[in-house]
Amino acid sequence: MPGVTFPFISREENYPQFDIVVDREKAAMAGISQRDIAQAALISLASNVSLNPSIFTDPRTGNQYNVVVQLDEPFRSTPEDLSRLFVMGDGGRPVLLGAVAEVKQGVGPVMIERKYQQRLIKINAQPGLDRDLGSIAQDIEEKLRAMPVPPGFSFHLGGQIQQQREAFGSLKFTSLLAIILVYMVMASQFRSLLDPFIIMFSVPLGMIGVIWALLLTRTTLNVTSFMGIIMMVGIVVSNGVLLVEYMNELRRRGLGLREAVIRGGRTRLRPILMTSLTTLVGLLPMALGIGTGSEANAPLARAVIGGLAVSTVLTLLLIPALYVMIEERFPRRLEDAEASRALQGETA
């Protein structure tokens, strides 16, 4: 697969071993199960400690001793000794293991890994420099789905791929929560649901710049660039607040809708440009990757620069137009601030 380097399989099938192939018909006639044969072979060769430990307690001292039972060394040194083991059948009748099974020499795994009592085989690899981790994971999943998987087998992608997907899932939830909280705060401050909607309309405009910036710089959408998107949302919203709030203030002073929009755009043009330009210039060295270790933060700066540059221009043009359209369709009466406070004092 292109973009994958240094593949390594954790399970190595080069450990010599003896396989006991049980003849099921003969074993059933003798009343012996595969479990009985496995226990007899394990206890005879490797003792009874792992299967049926026997502990002796000294009645005088109270010390405990493990009683280990296994065949003596001369009787478990050749493959033929394994065939001469006795297995207890029905009625306690001993049966030679070689009469119900065949001993073959083969190879097996050097180490058996388990997770939740299930056998596990790990295939490790590293992504190359020419492809991103997300596209590699997608290709691997497509090839694995097209591969016929035997019954009882399953595959799961882990490592950096799993961490990346978990991080993206949490960042998506965080971004949605941040947008909802920002909208709620602005709605409580503006005492309106329309003004926050107009301001939040600048967020998707900034996403256009983020996508173009990442495409032009050949930067992937990773965790760092996603954090830059969240940072860009905060800056874009603050610019919209400056613009819409001043338009509302001019209308409270008695100006008409269109006159307030034109004057508000002219007056707030300089503060918005100053805020955006200082942010863009400040993040430019980080976006260029100047300095040791700056490559890790470059996606964040590029996402902020692209989103802020495009959203600033579109905010100055589209937000006033959207403000006029909504106010003409849903007209409101904005009272003067001092008159409003006086009225509230008289009511109290």
Protein backbone atom coordinates (compact mmCIF):
# COMPACT_ATOMS: atom_id res chain seq x y z
CA MET A 1 0.00 0.00 0.00
CA PRO A 2 1.48 3.40 -0.94
CA GLY A 3 2.39 5.61 1.98
CA VAL A 4 2.91 2.74 4.46
CA THR A 5 6.45 1.99 5.65
CA PHE A 6 8.10 -0.52 7.99
CA PRO A 7 5.26 -3.04 8.38
CA PHE A 8 5.78 -5.52 11.22
CA ILE A 9 3.66 -8.47 12.40
CA SER A 10 3.90 -9.16 16.13
CA ARG A 11 3.16 -12.90 15.81
CA GLU A 12 6.14 -14.89 14.52
CA GLU A 13 5.44 -18.51 13.50
CA ASN A 14 8.92 -19.92 13.97
CA TYR A 15 8.84 -21.52 17.42
CA PRO A 16 9.28 -25.34 17.25
CA GLN A 17 6.57 -27.34 18.95
CA PHE A 18 4.80 -30.71 18.96
CA ASP A 19 1.17 -30.79 17.85
CA ILE A 20 -1.19 -33.46 19.23
CA VAL A 21 -3.80 -34.27 16.56
CA VAL A 22 -6.66 -36.12 18.28
CA ASP A 23 -8.64 -38.78 16.45
CA ARG A 24 -12.11 -37.80 17.62
CA GLU A 25 -13.75 -41.15 16.84
CA LYS A 26 -11.18 -43.19 18.77
CA ALA A 27 -11.20 -40.75 21.65
CA ALA A 28 -14.99 -40.86 21.85
CA MET A 29 -14.99 -44.67 21.87
CA ALA A 30 -12.51 -44.62 24.75
CA GLY A 31 -14.52 -41.96 26.60
CA ILE A 32 -11.75 -39.38 26.44
CA SER A 33 -12.19 -35.71 25.59
CA GLN A 34 -9.64 -33.32 24.13
CA ARG A 35 -9.52 -31.55 27.47
CA ASP A 36 -8.47 -34.79 29.20
CA ILE A 37 -5.67 -35.30 26.68
CA ALA A 38 -4.44 -31.70 27.04
CA GLN A 39 -4.42 -31.90 30.83
CA ALA A 40 -2.61 -35.23 30.86
CA ALA A 41 0.10 -33.92 28.51
CA LEU A 42 0.50 -30.64 30.39
CA ILE A 43 0.67 -32.22 33.85
CA SER A 44 3.09 -34.94 32.73
CA LEU A 45 5.49 -32.53 31.00
CA ALA A 46 5.10 -29.19 32.82
CA SER A 47 3.73 -30.29 36.25
CA ASN A 48 0.37 -29.67 37.85
CA VAL A 49 1.11 -26.16 39.13
CA SER A 50 -0.80 -24.28 36.43
CA LEU A 51 -3.83 -26.64 36.27
CA ASN A 52 -4.31 -28.31 39.63
CA PRO A 53 -1.91 -26.93 42.24
CA SER A 54 -1.48 -29.06 45.34
CA ILE A 55 -0.42 -27.31 48.54
CA PHE A 56 0.87 -29.17 51.62
CA THR A 57 0.74 -27.44 55.00
CA ASP A 58 3.23 -28.59 57.65
CA PRO A 59 1.17 -29.25 60.82
CA ARG A 60 4.10 -28.40 63.10
CA THR A 61 5.41 -25.18 61.55
CA GLY A 62 2.42 -24.06 59.48
CA ASN A 63 4.60 -23.55 56.39
CA GLN A 64 2.98 -24.25 53.02
CA TYR A 65 4.72 -26.14 50.23
CA ASN A 66 3.72 -26.68 46.59
CA VAL A 67 3.59 -30.36 45.72
CA VAL A 68 4.77 -30.59 42.09
CA VAL A 69 3.97 -33.75 40.14
CA GLN A 70 5.46 -34.47 36.71
CA LEU A 71 7.32 -37.18 34.86
CA ASP A 72 10.98 -37.66 35.53
CA GLU A 73 13.44 -36.28 32.97
CA PRO A 74 14.29 -39.65 31.29
CA PHE A 75 10.58 -40.23 30.57
CA ARG A 76 9.90 -36.87 28.85
CA SER A 77 12.95 -36.27 26.67
CA THR A 78 11.84 -37.63 23.24
CA PRO A 79 8.70 -37.27 21.07
CA GLU A 80 8.02 -40.98 21.56
CA ASP A 81 7.67 -40.38 25.30
CA LEU A 82 4.72 -38.12 24.55
CA SER A 83 2.94 -40.91 22.69
CA ARG A 84 3.49 -43.28 25.63
CA LEU A 85 1.60 -41.08 28.09
CA PHE A 86 -1.44 -42.59 29.78
CA VAL A 87 -4.84 -40.87 29.70
CA MET A 88 -7.63 -42.04 31.98
CA GLY A 89 -10.72 -43.19 30.05
CA ASP A 90 -14.13 -44.47 31.12
CA GLY A 91 -14.11 -46.38 34.38
CA GLY A 92 -10.58 -45.25 35.20
CA ARG A 93 -9.10 -47.38 32.41
CA PRO A 94 -5.70 -46.03 31.25
CA VAL A 95 -5.32 -45.47 27.49
CA LEU A 96 -2.10 -44.69 25.65
CA LEU A 97 -2.11 -41.23 24.12
CA GLY A 98 -0.66 -42.64 20.90
CA ALA A 99 -3.73 -44.88 20.52
CA VAL A 100 -6.15 -41.94 20.26
CA ALA A 101 -3.91 -39.16 18.89
CA GLU A 102 -0.93 -38.53 16.62
CA VAL A 103 2.07 -36.44 17.62
CA LYS A 104 3.48 -34.21 14.85
CA GLN A 105 6.33 -31.75 14.84
CA GLY A 106 5.50 -28.23 13.70
CA VAL A 107 5.99 -24.54 14.45
CA GLY A 108 3.91 -22.08 16.44
CA PRO A 109 3.90 -18.46 17.64
CA VAL A 110 6.77 -17.28 19.78
CA MET A 111 4.36 -15.28 21.94
CA ILE A 112 0.56 -15.29 22.15
CA GLU A 113 -1.01 -11.91 22.96
CA ARG A 114 -4.47 -11.72 24.48
CA LYS A 115 -6.95 -8.97 25.24
CA TYR A 116 -10.14 -9.72 27.16
CA GLN A 117 -9.31 -13.44 26.85
CA GLN A 118 -9.21 -13.14 23.03
CA ARG A 119 -6.14 -13.84 20.94
CA LEU A 120 -4.63 -10.75 19.36
CA ILE A 121 -2.25 -10.24 16.44
CA LYS A 122 -0.83 -6.76 15.95
CA ILE A 123 0.31 -5.44 12.58
CA ASN A 124 2.28 -2.24 13.06
CA ALA A 125 3.32 0.22 10.36
CA GLN A 126 4.31 3.85 10.01
CA PRO A 127 2.87 6.45 7.62
CA GLY A 128 5.20 7.83 4.99
CA LEU A 129 5.93 11.46 4.32
CA ASP A 130 3.89 11.61 1.11
CA ARG A 131 0.47 10.71 2.58
CA ASP A 132 -1.59 11.73 5.58
CA LEU A 133 -2.79 9.35 8.26
CA GLY A 134 -6.49 9.76 7.48
CA SER A 135 -6.25 8.67 3.83
CA ILE A 136 -4.04 5.72 4.77
CA ALA A 137 -6.60 4.56 7.35
CA GLN A 138 -9.40 4.86 4.80
CA ASP A 139 -7.50 2.73 2.24
CA ILE A 140 -6.68 0.10 4.85
CA GLU A 141 -10.33 -0.19 5.91
CA GLU A 142 -11.48 -0.53 2.29
CA LYS A 143 -8.98 -3.32 1.61
CA LEU A 144 -9.87 -5.12 4.84
CA ARG A 145 -13.60 -4.97 4.06
CA ALA A 146 -12.97 -6.45 0.62
CA MET A 147 -10.93 -9.29 2.14
CA PRO A 148 -12.85 -12.47 3.09
CA VAL A 149 -12.51 -12.81 6.87
CA PRO A 150 -12.80 -16.32 8.40
CA PRO A 151 -15.52 -16.89 11.02
CA GLY A 152 -14.45 -15.77 14.47
CA PHE A 153 -11.94 -13.21 13.18
CA SER A 154 -12.31 -9.43 13.22
CA PHE A 155 -10.07 -6.42 12.67
CA HIS A 156 -9.76 -3.11 14.47
CA LEU A 157 -7.62 -0.06 13.71
CA GLY A 158 -5.78 1.31 16.73
CA GLY A 159 -2.71 3.35 17.59
CA GLN A 160 -2.48 6.84 16.14
CA ILE A 161 -5.53 6.27 13.93
CA GLN A 162 -7.73 5.57 16.93
CA GLN A 163 -6.30 8.54 18.83
CA GLN A 164 -6.88 10.81 15.84
CA ARG A 165 -10.52 9.75 15.50
CA GLU A 166 -11.18 10.17 19.21
CA ALA A 167 -9.59 13.63 19.11
CA PHE A 168 -11.66 14.66 16.09
CA GLY A 169 -14.82 13.40 17.78
CA SER A 170 -14.15 15.44 20.92
CA LEU A 171 -13.19 18.52 18.87
CA LYS A 172 -16.41 18.35 16.86
CA PHE A 173 -18.43 18.23 20.06
CA THR A 174 -16.35 21.06 21.53
CA SER A 175 -16.84 23.22 18.44
CA LEU A 176 -20.60 22.69 18.45
CA LEU A 177 -20.77 23.43 22.17
CA ALA A 178 -18.68 26.58 21.73
CA ILE A 179 -20.96 27.89 18.96
CA ILE A 180 -24.07 27.23 21.08
CA LEU A 181 -22.58 28.94 24.13
CA VAL A 182 -21.44 31.96 22.10
CA TYR A 183 -24.91 32.29 20.60
CA MET A 184 -26.53 32.08 24.03
CA VAL A 185 -24.22 34.72 25.49
CA MET A 186 -24.82 37.11 22.60
CA ALA A 187 -28.57 36.52 22.73
CA SER A 188 -28.61 37.44 26.42
CA GLN A 189 -26.50 40.55 25.83
CA PHE A 190 -28.34 41.77 22.72
CA ARG A 191 -31.72 40.69 24.12
CA SER A 192 -32.52 39.46 20.63
CA LEU A 193 -32.30 36.25 18.63
CA LEU A 194 -31.82 37.98 15.28
CA ASP A 195 -28.62 39.90 16.02
CA PRO A 196 -26.67 36.79 17.18
CA PHE A 197 -27.92 34.96 14.09
CA ILE A 198 -26.57 37.71 11.84
CA ILE A 199 -23.23 37.66 13.63
CA MET A 200 -22.93 33.87 13.59
CA PHE A 201 -23.51 33.94 9.83
CA SER A 202 -19.85 35.03 9.51
CA VAL A 203 -18.63 31.66 10.87
CA PRO A 204 -19.36 29.61 7.71
CA LEU A 205 -17.83 32.46 5.69
CA GLY A 206 -14.59 31.92 7.60
CA MET A 207 -14.70 28.19 6.85
CA ILE A 208 -14.36 29.03 3.16
CA GLY A 209 -11.04 30.72 3.87
CA VAL A 210 -9.86 27.86 6.07
CA ILE A 211 -10.45 25.31 3.32
CA TRP A 212 -8.67 27.42 0.71
CA ALA A 213 -5.72 28.10 3.02
CA LEU A 214 -5.25 24.41 3.81
CA LEU A 215 -5.52 23.45 0.14
CA LEU A 216 -3.07 26.11 -1.07
CA THR A 217 -0.47 25.25 1.60
CA ARG A 218 -1.07 21.47 1.25
CA THR A 219 -1.87 21.22 4.94
CA THR A 220 -4.06 18.43 6.25
CA LEU A 221 -7.06 18.93 8.49
CA ASN A 222 -5.56 17.65 11.73
CA VAL A 223 -6.05 18.33 15.42
CA THR A 224 -3.89 21.46 15.34
CA SER A 225 -5.68 23.01 12.36
CA PHE A 226 -9.03 22.12 13.96
CA MET A 227 -7.99 24.11 17.04
CA GLY A 228 -7.17 26.99 14.68
CA ILE A 229 -10.75 26.83 13.37
CA ILE A 230 -12.10 27.21 16.92
CA MET A 231 -9.75 30.15 17.48
CA MET A 232 -10.85 31.72 14.19
CA VAL A 233 -14.52 31.49 15.20
CA GLY A 234 -13.88 33.61 18.28
CA ILE A 235 -12.10 36.35 16.32
CA VAL A 236 -14.69 36.42 13.53
CA VAL A 237 -17.56 36.67 16.02
CA SER A 238 -15.88 39.58 17.80
CA ASN A 239 -15.66 41.51 14.52
CA GLY A 240 -19.34 40.89 13.86
CA VAL A 241 -20.23 42.09 17.35
CA LEU A 242 -18.38 45.38 16.73
CA LEU A 243 -20.27 45.96 13.51
CA VAL A 244 -23.80 44.95 14.52
CA GLU A 245 -23.70 46.58 17.95
CA TYR A 246 -22.66 49.94 16.48
CA MET A 247 -25.41 49.74 13.87
CA ASN A 248 -27.95 49.17 16.62
CA GLU A 249 -26.52 52.09 18.59
CA LEU A 250 -26.88 54.43 15.61
CA ARG A 251 -30.47 53.34 15.13
CA ARG A 252 -31.20 54.04 18.79
CA ARG A 253 -29.97 57.59 18.19
CA GLY A 254 -32.61 58.03 15.54
CA LEU A 255 -30.84 57.21 12.27
CA GLY A 256 -32.63 55.25 9.57
CA LEU A 257 -31.83 51.65 8.79
CA ARG A 258 -29.77 52.12 5.64
CA GLU A 259 -28.04 55.27 6.92
CA ALA A 260 -27.09 53.46 10.15
CA VAL A 261 -25.70 50.49 8.20
CA ILE A 262 -23.58 52.72 5.92
CA ARG A 263 -22.22 54.87 8.73
CA GLY A 264 -21.64 51.87 10.96
CA GLY A 265 -19.67 50.10 8.25
CA ARG A 266 -17.51 53.15 7.62
CA THR A 267 -16.87 53.78 11.31
CA ARG A 268 -16.12 50.19 12.27
CA LEU A 269 -14.02 49.49 9.18
CA ARG A 270 -10.79 50.69 10.80
CA PRO A 271 -11.14 48.79 14.14
CA ILE A 272 -12.05 45.56 12.34
CA LEU A 273 -9.15 45.87 9.88
CA MET A 274 -6.73 46.70 12.70
CA THR A 275 -7.85 43.66 14.70
CA SER A 276 -7.64 41.34 11.70
CA LEU A 277 -4.34 42.67 10.31
CA THR A 278 -2.54 42.53 13.66
CA THR A 279 -3.69 38.93 14.12
CA LEU A 280 -2.64 37.98 10.58
CA VAL A 281 0.79 39.61 10.86
CA GLY A 282 1.37 38.10 14.31
CA LEU A 283 0.59 34.58 13.10
CA LEU A 284 2.54 34.88 9.84
CA PRO A 285 5.93 33.67 11.26
CA MET A 286 4.18 30.67 12.80
CA ALA A 287 2.41 29.89 9.53
CA LEU A 288 5.72 30.01 7.62
CA GLY A 289 7.28 27.55 10.06
CA ILE A 290 10.10 29.87 11.15
CA GLY A 291 11.94 28.57 14.20
CA THR A 292 12.59 25.24 15.83
CA GLY A 293 9.46 23.20 16.46
CA SER A 294 7.16 25.67 14.72
CA GLU A 295 6.06 23.04 12.18
CA ALA A 296 3.74 21.55 14.79
CA ASN A 297 1.81 24.84 15.20
CA ALA A 298 1.89 25.89 11.54
CA PRO A 299 -1.51 24.27 10.70
CA LEU A 300 -3.16 26.29 13.48
CA ALA A 301 -1.77 29.57 12.15
CA ARG A 302 -2.65 28.76 8.54
CA ALA A 303 -6.23 27.92 9.45
CA VAL A 304 -6.63 31.16 11.40
CA ILE A 305 -5.02 33.28 8.68
CA GLY A 306 -7.13 31.80 5.88
CA GLY A 307 -10.40 31.96 7.77
CA LEU A 308 -9.83 35.42 9.20
CA ALA A 309 -8.68 36.96 5.89
CA VAL A 310 -11.71 35.76 3.95
CA SER A 311 -14.26 36.29 6.71
CA THR A 312 -13.09 39.87 7.32
CA VAL A 313 -13.79 40.85 3.73
CA LEU A 314 -17.05 38.94 3.51
CA THR A 315 -18.18 40.18 6.94
CA LEU A 316 -17.80 43.82 5.90
CA LEU A 317 -19.87 43.16 2.77
CA LEU A 318 -22.39 40.45 3.57
CA ILE A 319 -23.18 41.11 7.24
CA PRO A 320 -24.54 44.64 6.54
CA ALA A 321 -26.55 43.32 3.58
CA LEU A 322 -27.97 40.50 5.71
CA TYR A 323 -28.70 42.99 8.51
CA VAL A 324 -30.75 45.17 6.14
CA MET A 325 -32.63 42.18 4.68
CA ILE A 326 -33.63 40.82 8.09
CA GLU A 327 -34.54 44.21 9.54
CA GLU A 328 -36.73 45.04 6.54
CA ARG A 329 -38.52 41.71 6.76
CA PHE A 330 -38.77 41.67 10.58
CA PRO A 331 -38.73 45.38 11.56
CA ARG A 332 -37.85 46.28 15.12
CA ARG A 333 -38.07 49.49 17.11
CA LEU A 334 -34.79 50.20 18.84
CA GLU A 335 -35.29 52.72 21.67
CA ASP A 336 -32.65 55.11 22.89
CA ALA A 337 -30.54 53.65 25.66
CA GLU A 338 -31.12 56.54 28.10
CA ALA A 339 -34.84 56.55 27.46
CA SER A 340 -34.97 52.81 27.98
CA ARG A 341 -33.15 53.05 31.32
CA ALA A 342 -35.41 55.87 32.47
CA LEU A 343 -38.47 53.86 31.56
CA GLN A 344 -37.15 50.87 33.49
CA GLY A 345 -36.52 53.13 36.54
CA GLU A 346 -40.06 54.51 36.48
CA THR A 347 -41.47 50.99 36.20
CA ALA A 348 -39.43 49.83 39.21
